[in-house]
Amino acid sequence: MSTTSWLIFFIVLIIFELLTMGLTTIWFALGAVAGFIAAIFDANIYVQWVLFILVSFVTLIFTRPVLFRRLNKKIVKTNADTLVGQLAVVTTEVDNLEAKGAATINGLEWTARSSDTDVKLLKGSVGRIIAIKGNKLILEPTNETID
C-alpha cells in the first residue's frame, strides 16, 4: 500500500474514534501508523500488513485494560447496590427450580432467587441479600429477624 493509503486509513480510523469516543478504533489507528512508517521505508506490502496487525493487537492487549481501569474509576453505585448485605422478607416462596419468588425490602417488592438452587425460602422467612442480578435479589437464608 502507498503511504497515502495508510494515511487515509489512519485519518478515517481517528475520525471514527472521535465520533464514538468508545476506544474502539484507536488501536487500529496506531497500527495504521506502523503500516504508514513501513510504507515510508518501502517495505513489502506483507510487512506493512503484519506490522499493522501486530501493533494493533499488541496495543489493544496491553493498553486497553489499563485505560479502562483509569477511565472507569468514577463508576457510581446505584441505590440498588446499597441493598447488598441487608435483610429482605420473603413475600412469595423463593424456588429457583420453578423460577418464582419475591421479597420486600424498604417497602419495595423485588423478584427474588436463592443463592443455592437446592434451597427454597418460605413465605415470611428472612433472607440476606448477597447480590443483585438484573432486577432480582439473590438471597441466602438466615435465622435473623427484621425489627
Protein backbone atom coordinates (compact mmCIF):
# COMPACT_ATOMS: atom_id res chain seq x y z
CA MET A 1 0.00 0.00 0.00
CA SER A 2 1.12 3.52 -0.53
CA THR A 3 1.86 5.97 2.24
CA THR A 4 -1.20 7.94 1.14
CA SER A 5 -3.45 4.91 1.60
CA TRP A 6 -2.12 4.30 5.12
CA LEU A 7 -2.54 7.98 5.96
CA ILE A 8 -6.15 8.00 4.72
CA PHE A 9 -6.83 4.77 6.65
CA PHE A 10 -5.35 6.38 9.80
CA ILE A 11 -7.47 9.54 9.40
CA VAL A 12 -10.68 7.53 8.86
CA LEU A 13 -9.98 5.47 12.00
CA ILE A 14 -9.26 8.60 14.07
CA ILE A 15 -12.45 10.29 12.84
CA PHE A 16 -14.45 7.17 13.71
CA GLU A 17 -12.81 7.10 17.17
CA LEU A 18 -13.67 10.76 17.75
CA LEU A 19 -17.27 10.15 16.74
CA THR A 20 -17.73 7.14 19.00
CA MET A 21 -15.42 8.07 21.90
CA GLY A 22 -15.54 4.44 22.91
CA LEU A 23 -11.92 3.37 22.49
CA THR A 24 -12.91 1.19 19.57
CA THR A 25 -10.55 2.04 16.72
CA ILE A 26 -7.64 3.86 18.35
CA TRP A 27 -5.63 0.62 18.48
CA PHE A 28 -6.03 0.11 14.75
CA ALA A 29 -5.15 3.74 14.09
CA LEU A 30 -1.83 3.08 15.87
CA GLY A 31 -1.40 0.01 13.69
CA ALA A 32 -2.05 2.18 10.62
CA VAL A 33 0.77 4.46 11.77
CA ALA A 34 3.08 1.42 11.86
CA GLY A 35 1.95 0.47 8.34
CA PHE A 36 2.49 4.07 7.24
CA ILE A 37 6.04 4.10 8.62
CA ALA A 38 6.79 0.77 6.95
CA ALA A 39 5.47 2.18 3.65
CA ILE A 40 7.77 5.22 4.00
CA PHE A 41 10.71 2.79 4.10
CA ASP A 42 9.34 0.95 1.03
CA ALA A 43 8.65 -2.23 2.99
CA ASN A 44 6.88 -5.08 1.26
CA ILE A 45 3.04 -4.97 1.42
CA TYR A 46 3.08 -8.11 3.58
CA VAL A 47 5.46 -6.49 6.07
CA GLN A 48 3.20 -3.44 6.20
CA TRP A 49 0.13 -5.56 6.99
CA VAL A 50 1.97 -7.73 9.50
CA LEU A 51 3.15 -4.58 11.31
CA PHE A 52 -0.37 -3.15 11.19
CA ILE A 53 -1.86 -6.31 12.73
CA LEU A 54 0.94 -6.79 15.23
CA VAL A 55 0.95 -3.20 16.53
CA SER A 56 -2.86 -3.06 16.61
CA PHE A 57 -3.24 -6.20 18.70
CA VAL A 58 -0.25 -5.58 20.97
CA THR A 59 -1.52 -2.10 21.86
CA LEU A 60 -5.04 -3.45 22.25
CA ILE A 61 -3.98 -6.26 24.58
CA PHE A 62 -1.57 -4.24 26.73
CA THR A 63 -3.13 -0.78 26.93
CA ARG A 64 -6.88 -1.34 26.83
CA PRO A 65 -7.20 -2.86 30.34
CA VAL A 66 -5.08 -0.07 31.83
CA LEU A 67 -7.07 2.66 30.11
CA PHE A 68 -10.42 1.15 31.08
CA ARG A 69 -9.35 0.93 34.73
CA ARG A 70 -8.31 4.58 34.66
CA LEU A 71 -11.39 5.79 32.79
CA ASN A 72 -13.94 3.77 34.77
CA LYS A 73 -12.88 4.94 38.23
CA LYS A 74 -15.90 7.16 38.51
CA ILE A 75 -18.48 4.38 38.36
CA VAL A 76 -21.22 5.41 40.72
CA LYS A 77 -23.02 2.75 42.66
CA THR A 78 -26.76 2.79 42.28
CA ASN A 79 -29.22 2.80 45.14
CA ALA A 80 -29.82 -0.89 44.49
CA ASP A 81 -26.15 -1.65 45.24
CA THR A 82 -26.65 -0.39 48.78
CA LEU A 83 -29.13 -3.23 49.40
CA VAL A 84 -26.43 -5.91 49.31
CA GLY A 85 -25.92 -7.22 52.83
CA GLN A 86 -29.33 -6.14 54.07
CA LEU A 87 -32.26 -8.36 55.05
CA ALA A 88 -35.40 -8.86 52.99
CA VAL A 89 -38.72 -10.50 53.88
CA VAL A 90 -39.86 -13.23 51.50
CA THR A 91 -43.39 -12.46 50.26
CA THR A 92 -43.68 -15.30 47.73
CA GLU A 93 -41.86 -18.59 48.23
CA VAL A 94 -38.46 -18.46 46.54
CA ASP A 95 -37.91 -21.54 44.40
CA ASN A 96 -35.26 -21.35 41.70
CA LEU A 97 -36.39 -24.57 40.02
CA GLU A 98 -39.86 -23.13 39.48
CA ALA A 99 -38.44 -19.67 38.70
CA LYS A 100 -40.60 -17.94 41.29
CA GLY A 101 -40.13 -15.83 44.34
CA ALA A 102 -40.44 -12.32 45.67
CA ALA A 103 -39.13 -10.38 48.63
CA THR A 104 -39.73 -6.97 50.13
CA ILE A 105 -37.14 -4.51 51.33
CA ASN A 106 -37.68 -0.87 52.23
CA GLY A 107 -41.32 -1.20 51.20
CA LEU A 108 -40.49 -2.30 47.66
CA GLU A 109 -41.15 -5.75 46.28
CA TRP A 110 -38.44 -7.39 44.20
CA THR A 111 -38.23 -10.62 42.28
CA ALA A 112 -36.03 -12.92 44.34
CA ARG A 113 -33.96 -16.05 43.82
CA SER A 114 -31.99 -18.22 46.21
CA SER A 115 -28.21 -18.22 46.15
CA ASP A 116 -28.39 -22.03 46.29
CA THR A 117 -30.58 -23.72 43.67
CA ASP A 118 -31.48 -26.51 46.09
CA VAL A 119 -32.64 -24.17 48.87
CA LYS A 120 -36.15 -22.73 48.99
CA LEU A 121 -37.03 -19.72 51.11
CA LEU A 122 -40.54 -19.91 52.54
CA LYS A 123 -43.04 -17.07 52.60
CA GLY A 124 -42.49 -14.94 55.70
CA SER A 125 -38.87 -16.01 56.16
CA VAL A 126 -35.96 -13.60 56.06
CA GLY A 127 -33.09 -13.73 53.58
CA ARG A 128 -29.85 -11.79 53.36
CA ILE A 129 -29.24 -10.07 50.02
CA ILE A 130 -25.88 -11.25 48.73
CA ALA A 131 -26.16 -9.84 45.20
CA ILE A 132 -28.44 -8.17 42.71
CA LYS A 133 -28.55 -9.64 39.22
CA GLY A 134 -30.60 -7.59 36.83
CA ASN A 135 -33.82 -6.92 38.72
CA LYS A 136 -33.56 -9.92 41.03
CA LEU A 137 -32.40 -10.07 44.60
CA ILE A 138 -30.16 -13.06 45.27
CA LEU A 139 -30.92 -14.22 48.80
CA GLU A 140 -29.29 -16.60 51.20
CA PRO A 141 -31.33 -18.00 54.10
CA THR A 142 -30.73 -16.52 57.52
CA ASN A 143 -32.13 -17.00 61.01
CA GLU A 144 -32.06 -13.26 61.65
CA THR A 145 -35.23 -11.24 62.10
CA ILE A 146 -36.20 -7.80 60.95
CA ASP A 147 -37.29 -5.39 63.66
